[in-house]
Amino acid sequence: MTEALSGLLAGSLFGFGLAISGMIDPGEVLGFLDWSGNWRPALMGVLGGAVVLSLVGFQLAPRMQRPWFKPAFPDLPKKSIDRPLIVGGALFGLGWGLAGYCPAPALAGLALGNGEVPIFLAAMVAGGWLQGRWARHKAAGPCG
């Protein structure tokens, strides 16, 4: 129960932060990404705060015996920077720059009733599904 409650609290805090920072407004995000036109630097504080908080967390985590709500830390896979990671990151950035949405702000933005959000989410789910099919096809080999 504690784990579910902490997840609900963390998710609510995250959604609230997205809302008050303006990250659920695609116009604000696109304005931040438009350095050559009407650049709006307000999200710099949001992104900078996220980086600082992550740096603190990554410094504290190795000093902990175990996570707060789990018996042990999970074993993380050792993955190198490869072509699929770079292509995926580029596609994510391209989609974010074109639409002004990334997954979490889009989900939080559903509450605003913006008609673009369901279209974006449907495209995101379809893209994930297609990527899964492609990965399974590739893993099956040329005869699979």
C-alpha atoms as a PDB file:
ATOM      1  CA  MET A   1       0.000   0.000   0.000  1.00  0.00           C
ATOM      2  CA  THR A   2       2.841   2.369   0.842  1.00  0.00           C
ATOM      3  CA  GLU A   3       4.352   1.804  -2.599  1.00  0.00           C
ATOM      4  CA  ALA A   4       1.072   2.617  -4.368  1.00  0.00           C
ATOM      5  CA  LEU A   5       0.529   5.698  -2.212  1.00  0.00           C
ATOM      6  CA  SER A   6       4.062   6.955  -2.874  1.00  0.00           C
ATOM      7  CA  GLY A   7       3.539   6.383  -6.614  1.00  0.00           C
ATOM      8  CA  LEU A   8       0.275   8.317  -6.510  1.00  0.00           C
ATOM      9  CA  LEU A   9       1.912  11.151  -4.579  1.00  0.00           C
ATOM     10  CA  ALA A  10       4.937  11.294  -6.907  1.00  0.00           C
ATOM     11  CA  GLY A  11       2.763  11.168 -10.033  1.00  0.00           C
ATOM     12  CA  SER A  12       0.449  13.870  -8.703  1.00  0.00           C
ATOM     13  CA  LEU A  13       3.378  16.096  -7.793  1.00  0.00           C
ATOM     14  CA  PHE A  14       4.908  15.524 -11.239  1.00  0.00           C
ATOM     15  CA  GLY A  15       1.635  16.352 -13.026  1.00  0.00           C
ATOM     16  CA  PHE A  16       1.138  19.453 -10.878  1.00  0.00           C
ATOM     17  CA  GLY A  17       4.687  20.565 -11.683  1.00  0.00           C
ATOM     18  CA  LEU A  18       4.085  20.075 -15.404  1.00  0.00           C
ATOM     19  CA  ALA A  19       0.896  22.130 -15.192  1.00  0.00           C
ATOM     20  CA  ILE A  20       2.283  25.101 -13.242  1.00  0.00           C
ATOM     21  CA  SER A  21       5.507  25.195 -15.275  1.00  0.00           C
ATOM     22  CA  GLY A  22       3.674  25.477 -18.589  1.00  0.00           C
ATOM     23  CA  MET A  23       5.037  22.209 -19.993  1.00  0.00           C
ATOM     24  CA  ILE A  24       1.520  21.030 -20.873  1.00  0.00           C
ATOM     25  CA  ASP A  25       1.065  24.031 -23.173  1.00  0.00           C
ATOM     26  CA  PRO A  26       2.565  23.134 -26.575  1.00  0.00           C
ATOM     27  CA  GLY A  27       2.830  26.822 -27.452  1.00  0.00           C
ATOM     28  CA  GLU A  28       5.101  27.376 -24.460  1.00  0.00           C
ATOM     29  CA  VAL A  29       7.254  24.373 -25.365  1.00  0.00           C
ATOM     30  CA  LEU A  30       7.505  25.362 -29.029  1.00  0.00           C
ATOM     31  CA  GLY A  31       8.367  28.917 -27.972  1.00  0.00           C
ATOM     32  CA  PHE A  32      11.180  27.528 -25.829  1.00  0.00           C
ATOM     33  CA  LEU A  33      12.485  25.440 -28.735  1.00  0.00           C
ATOM     34  CA  ASP A  34      12.327  28.375 -31.215  1.00  0.00           C
ATOM     35  CA  TRP A  35      15.712  30.026 -30.732  1.00  0.00           C
ATOM     36  CA  SER A  36      15.614  31.891 -34.016  1.00  0.00           C
ATOM     37  CA  GLY A  37      12.246  33.563 -33.565  1.00  0.00           C
ATOM     38  CA  ASN A  38      10.286  34.511 -30.464  1.00  0.00           C
ATOM     39  CA  TRP A  39      12.316  32.501 -27.944  1.00  0.00           C
ATOM     40  CA  ARG A  40      10.685  32.077 -24.536  1.00  0.00           C
ATOM     41  CA  PRO A  41      13.321  31.001 -21.983  1.00  0.00           C
ATOM     42  CA  ALA A  42      10.880  30.310 -19.111  1.00  0.00           C
ATOM     43  CA  LEU A  43      11.277  26.527 -19.346  1.00  0.00           C
ATOM     44  CA  MET A  44      15.032  26.852 -18.799  1.00  0.00           C
ATOM     45  CA  GLY A  45      14.352  26.948 -15.053  1.00  0.00           C
ATOM     46  CA  VAL A  46      12.184  23.826 -15.267  1.00  0.00           C
ATOM     47  CA  LEU A  47      14.797  21.869 -17.197  1.00  0.00           C
ATOM     48  CA  GLY A  48      17.639  23.201 -15.056  1.00  0.00           C
ATOM     49  CA  GLY A  49      15.784  22.252 -11.882  1.00  0.00           C
ATOM     50  CA  ALA A  50      15.225  18.739 -13.239  1.00  0.00           C
ATOM     51  CA  VAL A  51      18.928  18.353 -14.016  1.00  0.00           C
ATOM     52  CA  VAL A  52      19.989  19.581 -10.560  1.00  0.00           C
ATOM     53  CA  LEU A  53      17.491  17.314  -8.798  1.00  0.00           C
ATOM     54  CA  SER A  54      18.645  14.339 -10.885  1.00  0.00           C
ATOM     55  CA  LEU A  55      22.285  15.054 -10.089  1.00  0.00           C
ATOM     56  CA  VAL A  56      21.489  15.123  -6.368  1.00  0.00           C
ATOM     57  CA  GLY A  57      19.508  11.884  -6.641  1.00  0.00           C
ATOM     58  CA  PHE A  58      22.280  10.115  -8.550  1.00  0.00           C
ATOM     59  CA  GLN A  59      24.771  11.186  -5.879  1.00  0.00           C
ATOM     60  CA  LEU A  60      22.594  10.023  -2.963  1.00  0.00           C
ATOM     61  CA  ALA A  61      21.315   6.721  -4.381  1.00  0.00           C
ATOM     62  CA  PRO A  62      24.633   4.807  -4.234  1.00  0.00           C
ATOM     63  CA  ARG A  63      24.937   5.707  -0.544  1.00  0.00           C
ATOM     64  CA  MET A  64      21.581   4.145   0.318  1.00  0.00           C
ATOM     65  CA  GLN A  65      21.382   0.539   1.569  1.00  0.00           C
ATOM     66  CA  ARG A  66      18.068   0.040  -0.253  1.00  0.00           C
ATOM     67  CA  PRO A  67      15.295   2.141  -1.805  1.00  0.00           C
ATOM     68  CA  TRP A  68      12.637   3.540   0.502  1.00  0.00           C
ATOM     69  CA  PHE A  69       9.794   1.274  -0.624  1.00  0.00           C
ATOM     70  CA  LYS A  70      11.547  -1.808  -2.058  1.00  0.00           C
ATOM     71  CA  PRO A  71      13.720  -4.500  -0.488  1.00  0.00           C
ATOM     72  CA  ALA A  72      16.594  -3.923  -2.947  1.00  0.00           C
ATOM     73  CA  PHE A  73      17.681  -1.858  -5.925  1.00  0.00           C
ATOM     74  CA  PRO A  74      16.990  -3.551  -9.278  1.00  0.00           C
ATOM     75  CA  ASP A  75      19.888  -4.685 -11.420  1.00  0.00           C
ATOM     76  CA  LEU A  76      20.087  -2.236 -14.286  1.00  0.00           C
ATOM     77  CA  PRO A  77      21.110  -3.517 -17.702  1.00  0.00           C
ATOM     78  CA  LYS A  78      24.445  -2.405 -19.057  1.00  0.00           C
ATOM     79  CA  LYS A  79      23.576  -0.920 -22.429  1.00  0.00           C
ATOM     80  CA  SER A  80      25.921   0.898 -24.731  1.00  0.00           C
ATOM     81  CA  ILE A  81      25.073   3.877 -26.869  1.00  0.00           C
ATOM     82  CA  ASP A  82      24.091   2.271 -30.158  1.00  0.00           C
ATOM     83  CA  ARG A  83      22.347   3.188 -33.386  1.00  0.00           C
ATOM     84  CA  PRO A  84      18.776   2.378 -32.209  1.00  0.00           C
ATOM     85  CA  LEU A  85      19.273   4.569 -29.130  1.00  0.00           C
ATOM     86  CA  ILE A  86      20.525   7.508 -31.213  1.00  0.00           C
ATOM     87  CA  VAL A  87      17.794   7.126 -33.851  1.00  0.00           C
ATOM     88  CA  GLY A  88      15.128   6.780 -31.152  1.00  0.00           C
ATOM     89  CA  GLY A  89      16.364   9.883 -29.363  1.00  0.00           C
ATOM     90  CA  ALA A  90      16.416  11.837 -32.608  1.00  0.00           C
ATOM     91  CA  LEU A  91      12.868  10.737 -33.475  1.00  0.00           C
ATOM     92  CA  PHE A  92      11.676  11.639 -29.970  1.00  0.00           C
ATOM     93  CA  GLY A  93      13.244  15.101 -30.234  1.00  0.00           C
ATOM     94  CA  LEU A  94      11.873  15.619 -33.730  1.00  0.00           C
ATOM     95  CA  GLY A  95       8.365  14.666 -32.609  1.00  0.00           C
ATOM     96  CA  TRP A  96       8.614  16.911 -29.546  1.00  0.00           C
ATOM     97  CA  GLY A  97       9.802  19.815 -31.673  1.00  0.00           C
ATOM     98  CA  LEU A  98       7.058  19.351 -34.266  1.00  0.00           C
ATOM     99  CA  ALA A  99       4.138  18.724 -31.905  1.00  0.00           C
ATOM    100  CA  GLY A 100       5.186  20.574 -28.756  1.00  0.00           C
ATOM    101  CA  TYR A 101       4.263  17.522 -26.690  1.00  0.00           C
ATOM    102  CA  CYS A 102       6.170  14.710 -25.087  1.00  0.00           C
ATOM    103  CA  PRO A 103       4.405  11.792 -23.375  1.00  0.00           C
ATOM    104  CA  ALA A 104       4.002  12.978 -19.780  1.00  0.00           C
ATOM    105  CA  PRO A 105       2.865  16.540 -20.558  1.00  0.00           C
ATOM    106  CA  ALA A 106       0.478  15.152 -23.191  1.00  0.00           C
ATOM    107  CA  LEU A 107      -1.131  12.877 -20.601  1.00  0.00           C
ATOM    108  CA  ALA A 108      -1.339  15.751 -18.123  1.00  0.00           C
ATOM    109  CA  GLY A 109      -2.741  17.954 -20.889  1.00  0.00           C
ATOM    110  CA  LEU A 110      -5.735  15.661 -21.419  1.00  0.00           C
ATOM    111  CA  ALA A 111      -7.437  17.583 -18.620  1.00  0.00           C
ATOM    112  CA  LEU A 112      -7.323  20.769 -20.725  1.00  0.00           C
ATOM    113  CA  GLY A 113      -9.626  19.301 -23.366  1.00  0.00           C
ATOM    114  CA  ASN A 114      -7.248  20.152 -26.209  1.00  0.00           C
ATOM    115  CA  GLY A 115      -8.328  18.192 -29.305  1.00  0.00           C
ATOM    116  CA  GLU A 116      -4.724  17.744 -30.428  1.00  0.00           C
ATOM    117  CA  VAL A 117      -3.760  15.681 -27.389  1.00  0.00           C
ATOM    118  CA  PRO A 118      -5.752  12.506 -28.217  1.00  0.00           C
ATOM    119  CA  ILE A 119      -4.367  12.612 -31.774  1.00  0.00           C
ATOM    120  CA  PHE A 120      -0.820  12.921 -30.434  1.00  0.00           C
ATOM    121  CA  LEU A 121      -1.368  10.094 -27.928  1.00  0.00           C
ATOM    122  CA  ALA A 122      -2.858   7.835 -30.622  1.00  0.00           C
ATOM    123  CA  ALA A 123       0.147   8.525 -32.872  1.00  0.00           C
ATOM    124  CA  MET A 124       2.508   7.846 -29.957  1.00  0.00           C
ATOM    125  CA  VAL A 125       0.842   4.505 -29.161  1.00  0.00           C
ATOM    126  CA  ALA A 126       0.837   3.549 -32.860  1.00  0.00           C
ATOM    127  CA  GLY A 127       4.532   4.409 -33.129  1.00  0.00           C
ATOM    128  CA  GLY A 128       5.329   2.275 -30.086  1.00  0.00           C
ATOM    129  CA  TRP A 129       3.314  -0.610 -31.501  1.00  0.00           C
ATOM    130  CA  LEU A 130       5.060  -0.352 -34.888  1.00  0.00           C
ATOM    131  CA  GLN A 131       8.467  -0.234 -33.230  1.00  0.00           C
ATOM    132  CA  GLY A 132       7.613  -3.373 -31.238  1.00  0.00           C
ATOM    133  CA  ARG A 133       6.550  -5.205 -34.402  1.00  0.00           C
ATOM    134  CA  TRP A 134       9.711  -4.091 -36.188  1.00  0.00           C
ATOM    135  CA  ALA A 135      11.922  -5.243 -33.277  1.00  0.00           C
ATOM    136  CA  ARG A 136      10.191  -8.665 -33.160  1.00  0.00           C
ATOM    137  CA  HIS A 137      10.511  -9.021 -36.937  1.00  0.00           C
ATOM    138  CA  LYS A 138      14.187  -8.109 -36.823  1.00  0.00           C
ATOM    139  CA  ALA A 139      14.837 -10.537 -33.943  1.00  0.00           C
ATOM    140  CA  ALA A 140      13.121 -13.380 -35.853  1.00  0.00           C
ATOM    141  CA  GLY A 141      15.741 -13.130 -38.582  1.00  0.00           C
ATOM    142  CA  PRO A 142      15.435 -13.179 -42.369  1.00  0.00           C
ATOM    143  CA  CYS A 143      13.373 -16.381 -42.480  1.00  0.00           C
ATOM    144  CA  GLY A 144      11.093 -15.573 -39.527  1.00  0.00           C
END
